Amino acid sequence: MAAANKAVLGPLVGAVDQGTSSTRFLVFNSKTAELLSHHQVELKQEFPKEGWVEQDPKEILNSVYECIEKTCEKLGQLNIDISNIKAIGVSNQRETTVVWDKLTGEPLYNAVVWLDLRTQSTVENLSKRIPGNNNFVKSKTGLPLSTYFSAVKLRWLLDNVRKVQKAVEEERALFGTVDSWLIWCLTGGANGGVHCTDVTNASRTMLFNIHSLEWDKELCEFFEIPMKILPNVRSSSEIYGLMKAGALEGVPISGCLGDQSAALVGQMCFQDGQAKNTYGTGCFLLCNTGRKCVFSEHGLLTTVAYKLGRDKPVYYALEGSVAIAGAVVRWLRDNLGIIKTSEEIEKLAKEVGTSYGCYFVPAFSGLYAPYWEPSARGIICGLTQFTNRCHIAFAALEAVCFQTREILDAMNRDCGMPLRHLQVDGGMTNNKILMQLQADILYIPVVKPSMPETTALGAAMAAGAAEGVGVWSLDPEDLSAVTVERFEPQINAEESEIRYSTWKKAVMKSMGWVTTQSSESD
């Protein structure tokens, strides 16, 4: 029986899903897209000063090796031969910045995470140098000047970390987002590791021209970034190199997508106008705009969606980015201690079924889309003597839904074609109360695939479809139909609107808390 099982499975594809709060490795059947096994490791985040967010690049790398080894062990127990794994895709938290020494393979500083705010004064100084009538940064990159993107983090490291400065002077330094760091290490590191990134991750650095699909000399000069430390930019689906260690030694790494692009692919949003919303540490709504760049009038980003092969066309997306979604649940767990596990929030929220007029704006890292307001900070308002932890838990879930509504409204205005339903994925979508709330607040149905790991699936699809691997067909007729769960709105439209307008009032109260001086004081 075991031998028959092995024969039936056919080619498998692995996916590294390196997120902000955890790392996972998942293995899929390339013919049916079925998830066969996976392993997950939660990661530490370090907050050395207020507004600073860091991770240890070595811990990130070790978590990837641990997840791969553990998943391979689990496959062995299921009688699945790991030699059937024909390719590996990488999907990653975007913008997070790593600089390392190419001779020793050692990081020269902790990874500066996308949520980190230490670069606010860097951003303010740079913005004074952009002419008002020619925002060449936005027109070339699709991005507003913000602490969110890699170029300003890299600028800060070059200005403030002697080890980084010295390594650049001595031509030992390499820069990369998390995908580049992982691929370089997995393909040999200091012994011939491949220093590359893909177009989706490159498009989040603020150094990449999304029209010419190249590092931009003018942008690198503006941020004063030496181009020789940048990785080679490749498509999202091609063989970058082979695994050089561990249980999967010799397997090609052939897919690479920033996590939100990976989820767009995993949700099969290949048509112009298709969109998905991912609920992870933050919340990210992406809408495929086809082969054309659409620039937003309402605070959304223009970004590269994917380029699935060296000779394939590039596709673009509009993106609404919310900094804090799942992170608010982690904050309630780790900082306030009102829940012991993230899953518990659903139970608390269910007990009351309402926030009872309490509103929670989790602007821990300022506000992202559609406001781009770095001076905002988190607030909980509308408290009375009646309010308890259940109401605050409910308000935290509502906050995720209201923030999604704001970016969906912006998306509908930019596209001119309102979305008739919302495709969702990510860890938080297991929370049924959240999904029902989301349908109520958006007033459209919310549609969730029964296998919510779409980010990893997208990376696996890109890897399996790569030239030279060819075990995963992306032809529409070959893509397997996905079983879904639908959540229909259950409240009346008027109530939905009243709650939303009160939320907007709360958002206004969260703004203007911080001036640069107070946030920079040590």
Protein backbone atom coordinates (compact mmCIF):
# COMPACT_ATOMS: atom_id res chain seq x y z
CA MET A 1 0.00 0.00 0.00
CA ALA A 2 2.79 2.43 0.94
CA ALA A 3 4.50 2.03 -2.43
CA ALA A 4 1.21 2.64 -4.21
CA ASN A 5 0.71 5.80 -2.15
CA LYS A 6 4.07 7.13 -3.17
CA ALA A 7 3.38 6.49 -6.82
CA VAL A 8 -0.01 8.21 -6.76
CA LEU A 9 1.27 11.46 -5.28
CA GLY A 10 3.53 12.44 -8.16
CA PRO A 11 5.63 15.61 -7.98
CA LEU A 12 5.51 17.71 -4.80
CA VAL A 13 6.53 21.33 -4.26
CA GLY A 14 7.68 22.93 -1.00
CA ALA A 15 7.15 26.53 0.08
CA VAL A 16 8.96 28.59 2.69
CA ASP A 17 6.53 31.17 4.10
CA GLN A 18 8.68 33.54 6.16
CA GLY A 19 6.29 35.97 7.84
CA THR A 20 6.69 38.70 10.44
CA SER A 21 5.44 36.63 13.36
CA SER A 22 6.29 33.10 12.23
CA THR A 23 8.04 30.91 9.68
CA ARG A 24 6.36 27.94 7.99
CA PHE A 25 7.38 25.28 5.51
CA LEU A 26 4.54 23.61 3.60
CA VAL A 27 4.49 20.84 1.02
CA PHE A 28 1.83 20.65 -1.71
CA ASN A 29 0.83 18.12 -4.32
CA SER A 30 1.49 19.95 -7.60
CA LYS A 31 -1.39 18.21 -9.42
CA THR A 32 -4.17 18.81 -6.88
CA ALA A 33 -2.78 21.77 -4.83
CA GLU A 34 -3.54 19.69 -1.71
CA LEU A 35 -1.52 20.58 1.40
CA LEU A 36 0.24 17.40 2.57
CA SER A 37 2.21 18.56 5.60
CA HIS A 38 3.70 21.62 7.24
CA HIS A 39 5.56 22.91 10.28
CA GLN A 40 5.47 26.34 11.91
CA VAL A 41 7.80 28.20 14.31
CA GLU A 42 6.87 31.48 16.02
CA LEU A 43 9.55 34.20 15.82
CA LYS A 44 10.72 36.70 18.39
CA GLN A 45 10.38 40.40 17.66
CA GLU A 46 12.69 42.76 19.51
CA PHE A 47 11.64 46.28 20.48
CA PRO A 48 14.93 47.87 21.63
CA LYS A 49 13.41 51.38 21.81
CA GLU A 50 9.95 52.83 21.40
CA GLY A 51 8.90 52.46 17.75
CA TRP A 52 11.85 50.21 16.88
CA VAL A 53 11.13 46.67 15.60
CA GLU A 54 13.93 44.21 14.89
CA GLN A 55 14.47 40.50 14.28
CA ASP A 56 17.60 38.37 14.32
CA PRO A 57 18.41 37.28 10.72
CA LYS A 58 20.12 34.14 12.05
CA GLU A 59 16.99 33.19 14.00
CA ILE A 60 14.94 33.71 10.83
CA LEU A 61 17.31 31.46 8.86
CA ASN A 62 17.43 28.78 11.56
CA SER A 63 13.63 28.76 11.77
CA VAL A 64 13.53 28.03 8.01
CA TYR A 65 15.92 25.07 8.39
CA GLU A 66 13.95 23.81 11.40
CA CYS A 67 10.62 24.00 9.54
CA ILE A 68 12.08 22.18 6.50
CA GLU A 69 13.59 19.37 8.62
CA LYS A 70 10.45 18.91 10.76
CA THR A 71 8.13 18.88 7.72
CA CYS A 72 10.35 16.28 6.03
CA GLU A 73 10.15 14.13 9.18
CA LYS A 74 6.35 14.43 9.16
CA LEU A 75 6.23 13.43 5.48
CA GLY A 76 8.35 10.37 6.34
CA GLN A 77 5.81 9.38 9.00
CA LEU A 78 3.07 9.71 6.35
CA ASN A 79 5.08 7.37 4.11
CA ILE A 80 5.71 10.11 1.57
CA ASP A 81 9.09 10.05 -0.14
CA ILE A 82 10.74 13.49 0.12
CA SER A 83 12.67 12.83 -3.09
CA ASN A 84 9.31 13.70 -4.74
CA ILE A 85 9.87 17.35 -3.75
CA LYS A 86 10.94 18.83 -7.10
CA ALA A 87 11.16 22.54 -6.24
CA ILE A 88 10.96 25.08 -3.43
CA GLY A 89 9.34 28.52 -3.48
CA VAL A 90 10.06 31.36 -1.08
CA SER A 91 7.51 33.87 0.14
CA ASN A 92 8.48 36.48 2.70
CA GLN A 93 7.60 39.49 4.82
CA ARG A 94 8.43 42.40 2.52
CA GLU A 95 10.54 45.58 3.05
CA THR A 96 12.33 44.16 6.14
CA THR A 97 15.99 45.03 5.62
CA VAL A 98 19.11 42.91 6.16
CA VAL A 99 22.76 43.81 5.55
CA TRP A 100 25.37 41.06 5.85
CA ASP A 101 29.04 40.30 5.26
CA LYS A 102 29.53 38.29 2.07
CA LEU A 103 32.86 36.83 3.28
CA THR A 104 31.70 35.51 6.68
CA GLY A 105 27.96 35.20 6.00
CA GLU A 106 27.26 37.06 9.26
CA PRO A 107 24.56 39.75 9.53
CA LEU A 108 26.05 43.18 10.31
CA TYR A 109 22.97 44.29 12.27
CA ASN A 110 19.55 42.93 13.19
CA ALA A 111 16.91 42.90 10.45
CA VAL A 112 15.04 46.23 10.58
CA VAL A 113 11.38 45.17 10.26
CA TRP A 114 8.86 46.87 7.93
CA LEU A 115 6.86 48.16 10.95
CA ASP A 116 9.91 49.96 12.40
CA LEU A 117 9.57 53.76 12.87
CA ARG A 118 13.15 54.84 13.67
CA THR A 119 13.52 56.37 10.20
CA GLN A 120 10.84 59.05 10.66
CA SER A 121 13.38 61.90 10.81
CA THR A 122 15.23 60.38 7.81
CA VAL A 123 11.93 60.46 5.90
CA GLU A 124 11.26 64.08 6.90
CA ASN A 125 14.75 65.20 5.79
CA LEU A 126 14.45 63.35 2.47
CA SER A 127 10.96 64.67 1.73
CA LYS A 128 12.30 68.25 1.83
CA ARG A 129 14.48 67.34 -1.15
CA ILE A 130 11.63 66.14 -3.40
CA PRO A 131 10.30 68.95 -5.62
CA GLY A 132 6.57 69.52 -5.05
CA ASN A 133 5.80 69.53 -8.75
CA ASN A 134 7.83 66.39 -9.53
CA ASN A 135 7.52 63.55 -7.06
CA PHE A 136 9.93 61.37 -9.04
CA VAL A 137 10.11 58.88 -6.15
CA LYS A 138 6.38 58.15 -6.33
CA SER A 139 6.19 58.15 -10.14
CA LYS A 140 9.11 55.70 -10.47
CA THR A 141 8.32 53.41 -7.52
CA GLY A 142 4.54 53.72 -6.99
CA LEU A 143 5.22 54.32 -3.28
CA PRO A 144 4.87 57.30 -0.92
CA LEU A 145 8.00 58.28 1.03
CA SER A 146 7.46 56.41 4.30
CA THR A 147 9.28 54.55 7.09
CA TYR A 148 7.63 51.39 5.67
CA PHE A 149 10.02 50.83 2.74
CA SER A 150 13.57 49.46 2.62
CA ALA A 151 15.55 52.40 1.17
CA VAL A 152 15.10 54.58 4.27
CA LYS A 153 15.95 51.65 6.58
CA LEU A 154 19.12 51.01 4.58
CA ARG A 155 19.94 54.74 4.68
CA TRP A 156 19.59 54.65 8.50
CA LEU A 157 21.93 51.62 8.75
CA LEU A 158 24.52 53.36 6.55
CA ASP A 159 24.28 56.52 8.67
CA ASN A 160 24.26 54.92 12.11
CA VAL A 161 25.96 51.50 12.18
CA ARG A 162 29.74 51.59 11.93
CA LYS A 163 29.99 47.86 11.08
CA VAL A 164 27.74 48.44 8.06
CA GLN A 165 29.65 51.55 6.92
CA LYS A 166 33.00 49.71 7.20
CA ALA A 167 31.75 46.66 5.29
CA VAL A 168 30.45 48.91 2.48
CA GLU A 169 33.80 50.75 2.31
CA GLU A 170 35.63 47.40 2.13
CA GLU A 171 33.15 46.02 -0.44
CA ARG A 172 32.11 43.17 1.86
CA ALA A 173 28.48 44.28 2.38
CA LEU A 174 25.40 42.82 0.72
CA PHE A 175 21.90 44.22 1.14
CA GLY A 176 18.69 42.29 0.74
CA THR A 177 15.11 41.93 1.84
CA VAL A 178 14.36 38.66 3.67
CA ASP A 179 13.97 36.67 0.43
CA SER A 180 17.50 37.66 -0.67
CA TRP A 181 19.01 36.79 2.71
CA LEU A 182 17.33 33.37 2.73
CA ILE A 183 18.10 32.47 -0.91
CA TRP A 184 21.76 33.56 -0.49
CA CYS A 185 22.11 31.41 2.64
CA LEU A 186 20.17 28.40 1.31
CA THR A 187 22.20 28.32 -1.94
CA GLY A 188 25.57 28.26 -0.18
CA GLY A 189 26.04 31.57 1.64
CA ALA A 190 29.70 32.64 1.73
CA ASN A 191 30.47 29.61 -0.48
CA GLY A 192 28.84 30.70 -3.72
CA GLY A 193 25.41 31.78 -2.46
CA VAL A 194 23.18 33.44 -5.09
CA HIS A 195 22.51 37.13 -4.34
CA CYS A 196 19.14 37.83 -5.97
CA THR A 197 15.62 39.06 -5.40
CA ASP A 198 12.46 39.04 -7.49
CA VAL A 199 10.56 41.95 -9.05
CA THR A 200 7.84 41.93 -6.35
CA ASN A 201 10.27 42.29 -3.45
CA ALA A 202 12.43 44.76 -5.38
CA SER A 203 9.34 46.92 -5.96
CA ARG A 204 9.08 47.46 -2.16
CA THR A 205 12.59 48.86 -1.67
CA MET A 206 11.96 52.36 -3.15
CA LEU A 207 15.10 51.90 -5.26
CA PHE A 208 13.41 50.00 -8.09
CA ASN A 209 11.85 51.50 -11.20
CA ILE A 210 8.58 49.58 -11.65
CA HIS A 211 8.36 50.62 -15.33
CA SER A 212 11.84 49.59 -16.53
CA LEU A 213 12.04 46.77 -13.91
CA GLU A 214 15.58 47.77 -12.93
CA TRP A 215 17.37 49.37 -10.00
CA ASP A 216 17.12 53.09 -10.68
CA LYS A 217 20.33 55.15 -10.70
CA GLU A 218 18.54 58.41 -9.86
CA LEU A 219 16.76 56.83 -6.87
CA CYS A 220 19.97 55.22 -5.59
CA GLU A 221 21.68 58.63 -5.83
CA PHE A 222 18.77 60.32 -4.05
CA PHE A 223 18.95 57.86 -1.13
CA GLU A 224 22.78 57.67 -1.48
CA ILE A 225 22.75 53.88 -1.73
CA PRO A 226 25.74 52.22 -3.47
CA MET A 227 24.29 50.06 -6.26
CA LYS A 228 26.95 47.36 -5.88
CA ILE A 229 25.38 46.10 -2.63
CA LEU A 230 21.99 45.44 -4.29
CA PRO A 231 20.87 41.93 -5.34
CA ASN A 232 20.26 40.89 -8.97
CA VAL A 233 16.58 41.28 -9.88
CA ARG A 234 14.97 38.17 -11.40
CA SER A 235 11.44 37.09 -12.30
CA SER A 236 9.22 35.48 -9.64
CA SER A 237 9.41 32.05 -11.31
CA GLU A 238 12.79 30.70 -12.47
CA ILE A 239 15.57 28.55 -11.04
CA TYR A 240 17.75 30.81 -8.85
CA GLY A 241 19.98 28.09 -7.41
CA LEU A 242 19.98 24.74 -5.59
CA MET A 243 19.59 23.97 -1.88
CA LYS A 244 23.08 23.32 -0.52
CA ALA A 245 22.30 21.71 2.85
CA GLY A 246 19.73 19.80 4.87
CA ALA A 247 17.17 17.16 3.94
CA LEU A 248 16.38 18.82 0.60
CA GLU A 249 19.94 19.36 -0.62
CA GLY A 250 20.04 19.62 -4.42
CA VAL A 251 16.40 20.72 -4.83
CA PRO A 252 16.05 23.90 -6.94
CA ILE A 253 14.74 27.13 -5.41
CA SER A 254 12.62 28.35 -8.30
CA GLY A 255 9.88 30.64 -6.96
CA CYS A 256 10.14 33.93 -5.10
CA LEU A 257 7.30 36.34 -4.28
CA GLY A 258 6.72 38.92 -1.57
CA ASP A 259 4.04 37.48 0.72
CA GLN A 260 1.19 39.66 -0.55
CA SER A 261 1.97 38.92 -4.20
CA ALA A 262 2.20 35.23 -3.31
CA ALA A 263 -1.29 35.36 -1.77
CA LEU A 264 -2.64 37.05 -4.93
CA VAL A 265 -1.23 34.16 -7.00
CA GLY A 266 -2.43 31.56 -4.47
CA GLN A 267 -5.95 33.02 -4.67
CA MET A 268 -5.71 32.66 -8.50
CA CYS A 269 -6.28 36.40 -9.00
CA PHE A 270 -4.79 36.38 -12.50
CA GLN A 271 -7.46 38.59 -14.12
CA ASP A 272 -7.54 42.36 -14.18
CA GLY A 273 -9.89 43.47 -11.36
CA GLN A 274 -9.56 40.37 -9.15
CA ALA A 275 -8.61 41.13 -5.56
CA LYS A 276 -7.75 39.46 -2.26
CA ASN A 277 -7.31 40.58 1.35
CA THR A 278 -4.77 38.83 3.58
CA TYR A 279 -5.10 39.00 7.37
CA GLY A 280 -1.64 38.50 8.86
CA THR A 281 0.45 40.74 11.14
CA GLY A 282 -0.96 43.56 9.00
CA CYS A 283 -3.78 43.55 6.47
CA PHE A 284 -3.12 43.80 2.75
CA LEU A 285 -5.71 44.24 0.03
CA LEU A 286 -4.31 43.75 -3.49
CA CYS A 287 -6.17 44.19 -6.75
CA ASN A 288 -4.67 42.93 -10.01
CA THR A 289 -4.58 45.80 -12.53
CA GLY A 290 -3.19 43.70 -15.39
CA ARG A 291 -0.18 44.84 -17.40
CA LYS A 292 -0.72 48.51 -16.64
CA CYS A 293 0.41 50.59 -13.67
CA VAL A 294 -2.58 52.30 -12.08
CA PHE A 295 -1.71 55.23 -9.83
CA SER A 296 -4.00 55.81 -6.89
CA GLU A 297 -5.77 59.06 -6.07
CA HIS A 298 -6.82 57.69 -2.67
CA GLY A 299 -3.72 56.64 -0.74
CA LEU A 300 -3.10 53.17 -2.22
CA LEU A 301 0.27 51.93 -3.47
CA THR A 302 1.12 50.86 -7.00
CA THR A 303 3.22 47.71 -6.89
CA VAL A 304 4.44 44.77 -8.95
CA ALA A 305 2.01 41.86 -8.60
CA TYR A 306 4.16 39.15 -10.25
CA LYS A 307 6.21 38.17 -13.28
CA LEU A 308 5.85 34.41 -13.63
CA GLY A 309 8.88 33.65 -15.80
CA ARG A 310 11.87 35.34 -17.40
CA ASP A 311 10.04 35.88 -20.71
CA LYS A 312 6.58 36.39 -19.21
CA PRO A 313 4.93 39.83 -18.90
CA VAL A 314 4.90 41.74 -15.64
CA TYR A 315 1.55 42.30 -13.90
CA TYR A 316 0.81 45.18 -11.54
CA ALA A 317 -1.48 45.68 -8.55
CA LEU A 318 -3.01 48.40 -6.45
CA GLU A 319 -2.42 47.74 -2.76
CA GLY A 320 -4.06 48.96 0.41
CA SER A 321 -1.68 48.34 3.32
CA VAL A 322 -2.77 48.28 6.97
CA ALA A 323 0.10 47.99 9.47
CA ILE A 324 -1.67 46.35 12.40
CA ALA A 325 -4.19 43.49 12.10
CA GLY A 326 -3.13 40.19 13.71
CA ALA A 327 -0.48 42.20 15.58
CA VAL A 328 -3.26 43.75 17.70
CA VAL A 329 -4.24 40.27 18.92
CA ARG A 330 -0.60 39.50 19.75
CA TRP A 331 -0.47 42.82 21.65
CA LEU A 332 -3.57 41.91 23.69
CA ARG A 333 -1.86 38.58 24.47
CA ASP A 334 1.74 39.66 25.14
CA ASN A 335 1.40 43.25 26.39
CA LEU A 336 -1.98 43.36 28.18
CA GLY A 337 -2.26 39.66 29.03
CA ILE A 338 -6.06 39.63 28.58
CA ILE A 339 -5.79 36.45 26.48
CA LYS A 340 -3.33 33.56 26.78
CA THR A 341 -3.53 32.37 23.17
CA SER A 342 -4.46 34.25 20.01
CA GLU A 343 -7.41 31.89 19.43
CA GLU A 344 -8.98 32.96 22.74
CA ILE A 345 -9.98 36.37 21.35
CA GLU A 346 -12.85 34.77 19.46
CA LYS A 347 -14.26 33.35 22.70
CA LEU A 348 -14.08 36.73 24.50
CA ALA A 349 -15.66 38.58 21.58
CA LYS A 350 -18.45 35.99 21.37
CA GLU A 351 -19.35 36.46 25.05
CA VAL A 352 -20.49 40.06 24.43
CA GLY A 353 -21.25 40.15 20.70
CA THR A 354 -20.63 43.94 20.65
CA SER A 355 -17.94 46.44 21.56
CA TYR A 356 -20.63 48.45 23.39
CA GLY A 357 -19.48 51.77 21.91
CA CYS A 358 -15.79 51.10 22.49
CA TYR A 359 -13.47 51.80 19.52
CA PHE A 360 -9.84 50.70 19.22
CA VAL A 361 -7.54 52.35 16.64
CA PRO A 362 -4.34 50.25 16.71
CA ALA A 363 -2.06 52.88 15.12
CA PHE A 364 1.02 51.44 16.85
CA SER A 365 3.23 52.29 13.83
CA GLY A 366 1.28 55.36 12.72
CA LEU A 367 -1.46 54.90 10.12
CA TYR A 368 -0.74 53.37 6.71
CA ALA A 369 -3.30 53.39 3.86
CA PRO A 370 -5.26 55.43 3.08
CA TYR A 371 -3.94 58.11 5.49
CA TRP A 372 -0.12 57.68 5.54
CA GLU A 373 -0.07 59.56 8.84
CA PRO A 374 3.12 58.74 10.80
CA SER A 375 2.13 60.97 13.74
CA ALA A 376 -0.83 58.76 14.71
CA ARG A 377 -0.67 56.41 17.70
CA GLY A 378 -3.01 53.76 19.08
CA ILE A 379 -6.07 54.79 21.07
CA ILE A 380 -9.00 53.04 22.75
CA CYS A 381 -11.95 55.39 23.16
CA GLY A 382 -15.61 55.30 24.16
CA LEU A 383 -14.78 53.58 27.46
CA THR A 384 -17.31 53.53 30.32
CA GLN A 385 -17.48 51.75 33.68
CA PHE A 386 -19.39 49.05 31.83
CA THR A 387 -16.50 48.26 29.43
CA ASN A 388 -14.59 45.03 30.12
CA ARG A 389 -11.90 42.98 28.38
CA CYS A 390 -14.48 41.24 26.19
CA HIS A 391 -15.58 44.58 24.72
CA ILE A 392 -11.94 45.55 24.08
CA ALA A 393 -11.35 42.19 22.38
CA PHE A 394 -14.43 42.76 20.21
CA ALA A 395 -13.29 46.32 19.41
CA ALA A 396 -9.88 44.95 18.34
CA LEU A 397 -11.53 42.59 15.83
CA GLU A 398 -13.79 45.40 14.61
CA ALA A 399 -10.69 47.56 14.08
CA VAL A 400 -9.30 45.03 11.62
CA CYS A 401 -12.62 45.11 9.72
CA PHE A 402 -12.97 48.90 9.74
CA GLN A 403 -9.40 49.32 8.46
CA THR A 404 -10.20 46.86 5.66
CA ARG A 405 -13.33 48.86 4.82
CA GLU A 406 -11.23 52.03 4.49
CA ILE A 407 -8.83 50.45 2.00
CA LEU A 408 -11.69 48.72 0.13
CA ASP A 409 -13.48 52.08 -0.24
CA ALA A 410 -10.27 53.60 -1.62
CA MET A 411 -9.85 50.66 -4.00
CA ASN A 412 -13.43 50.96 -5.27
CA ARG A 413 -12.93 54.69 -5.91
CA ASP A 414 -9.63 54.13 -7.77
CA CYS A 415 -10.92 51.23 -9.88
CA GLY A 416 -14.39 52.65 -10.54
CA MET A 417 -15.71 49.06 -10.31
CA PRO A 418 -16.87 48.18 -6.79
CA LEU A 419 -15.88 44.69 -5.63
CA ARG A 420 -18.96 42.48 -5.36
CA HIS A 421 -17.36 40.12 -2.85
CA LEU A 422 -14.04 39.94 -0.98
CA GLN A 423 -11.67 36.96 -1.25
CA VAL A 424 -9.80 36.54 2.02
CA ASP A 425 -6.94 34.47 3.42
CA GLY A 426 -4.32 34.46 6.17
CA GLY A 427 -4.13 33.17 9.73
CA MET A 428 -6.88 35.38 11.18
CA THR A 429 -9.50 34.08 8.73
CA ASN A 430 -9.94 31.03 10.98
CA ASN A 431 -11.78 33.42 13.32
CA LYS A 432 -15.44 33.07 12.32
CA ILE A 433 -16.58 36.09 14.34
CA LEU A 434 -14.02 38.24 12.50
CA MET A 435 -15.20 36.97 9.11
CA GLN A 436 -18.86 37.64 9.92
CA LEU A 437 -18.00 41.10 11.26
CA GLN A 438 -16.08 41.78 8.07
CA ALA A 439 -19.06 40.88 5.90
CA ASP A 440 -21.31 43.10 8.07
CA ILE A 441 -18.96 46.10 7.99
CA LEU A 442 -18.22 45.88 4.25
CA TYR A 443 -21.79 44.96 3.45
CA ILE A 444 -20.64 42.46 0.79
CA PRO A 445 -20.06 38.68 1.08
CA VAL A 446 -16.66 37.51 2.33
CA VAL A 447 -15.31 34.37 0.62
CA LYS A 448 -12.67 32.22 2.27
CA PRO A 449 -10.93 29.21 0.70
CA SER A 450 -11.10 26.11 2.89
CA MET A 451 -7.26 25.94 2.70
CA PRO A 452 -6.26 29.39 4.02
CA GLU A 453 -2.50 29.00 3.37
CA THR A 454 -2.71 30.83 0.05
CA THR A 455 0.58 32.71 0.53
CA ALA A 456 2.55 29.46 0.65
CA LEU A 457 0.43 28.04 -2.17
CA GLY A 458 1.31 31.02 -4.40
CA ALA A 459 5.04 30.53 -3.77
CA ALA A 460 4.70 26.81 -4.50
CA MET A 461 2.82 27.51 -7.75
CA ALA A 462 5.54 29.92 -8.92
CA ALA A 463 8.26 27.39 -8.05
CA GLY A 464 6.51 24.41 -9.64
CA ALA A 465 5.71 26.31 -12.84
CA ALA A 466 9.29 27.53 -13.38
CA GLU A 467 11.12 26.69 -16.59
CA GLY A 468 13.29 23.63 -15.93
CA VAL A 469 10.87 22.38 -13.21
CA GLY A 470 7.52 22.35 -15.01
CA VAL A 471 5.49 20.29 -12.55
CA TRP A 472 2.72 22.85 -11.92
CA SER A 473 0.51 24.14 -14.72
CA LEU A 474 -0.85 27.68 -14.38
CA ASP A 475 -3.22 27.30 -17.34
CA PRO A 476 -6.70 28.35 -16.15
CA GLU A 477 -8.25 24.99 -17.16
CA ASP A 478 -5.63 23.08 -15.12
CA LEU A 479 -6.08 25.08 -11.90
CA SER A 480 -8.13 23.02 -9.49
CA ALA A 481 -11.42 24.47 -8.26
CA VAL A 482 -11.21 25.70 -4.68
CA THR A 483 -13.81 24.89 -2.05
CA VAL A 484 -14.89 28.02 -0.20
CA GLU A 485 -16.86 29.21 2.80
CA ARG A 486 -19.08 32.31 2.35
CA PHE A 487 -20.06 34.85 5.00
CA GLU A 488 -23.08 36.99 4.05
CA PRO A 489 -23.83 40.37 5.69
CA GLN A 490 -26.36 39.92 8.52
CA ILE A 491 -27.00 43.45 9.80
CA ASN A 492 -28.86 46.28 8.11
CA ALA A 493 -26.90 48.72 5.95
CA GLU A 494 -27.80 51.72 8.12
CA GLU A 495 -26.31 50.21 11.28
CA SER A 496 -23.19 49.28 9.30
CA GLU A 497 -22.79 52.93 8.19
CA ILE A 498 -23.31 54.38 11.67
CA ARG A 499 -20.59 52.15 13.13
CA TYR A 500 -18.23 53.03 10.30
CA SER A 501 -18.69 56.78 10.67
CA THR A 502 -18.02 56.50 14.45
CA TRP A 503 -14.83 54.59 13.64
CA LYS A 504 -13.71 57.44 11.36
CA LYS A 505 -14.23 59.86 14.25
CA ALA A 506 -11.96 57.68 16.40
CA VAL A 507 -9.31 57.61 13.66
CA MET A 508 -9.24 61.43 13.60
CA LYS A 509 -8.58 61.41 17.35
CA SER A 510 -5.58 59.11 16.90
CA MET A 511 -3.74 61.54 14.62
CA GLY A 512 -1.12 64.15 15.49
CA TRP A 513 0.06 62.52 18.72
CA VAL A 514 3.75 62.47 17.95
CA THR A 515 6.16 65.14 16.87
CA THR A 516 9.55 63.99 15.57
CA GLN A 517 11.38 65.48 18.55
CA SER A 518 9.41 63.52 21.14
CA SER A 519 9.67 60.23 19.23
CA GLU A 520 13.42 60.58 18.62
CA SER A 521 14.41 61.40 22.21
CA ASP A 522 16.40 58.54 23.73
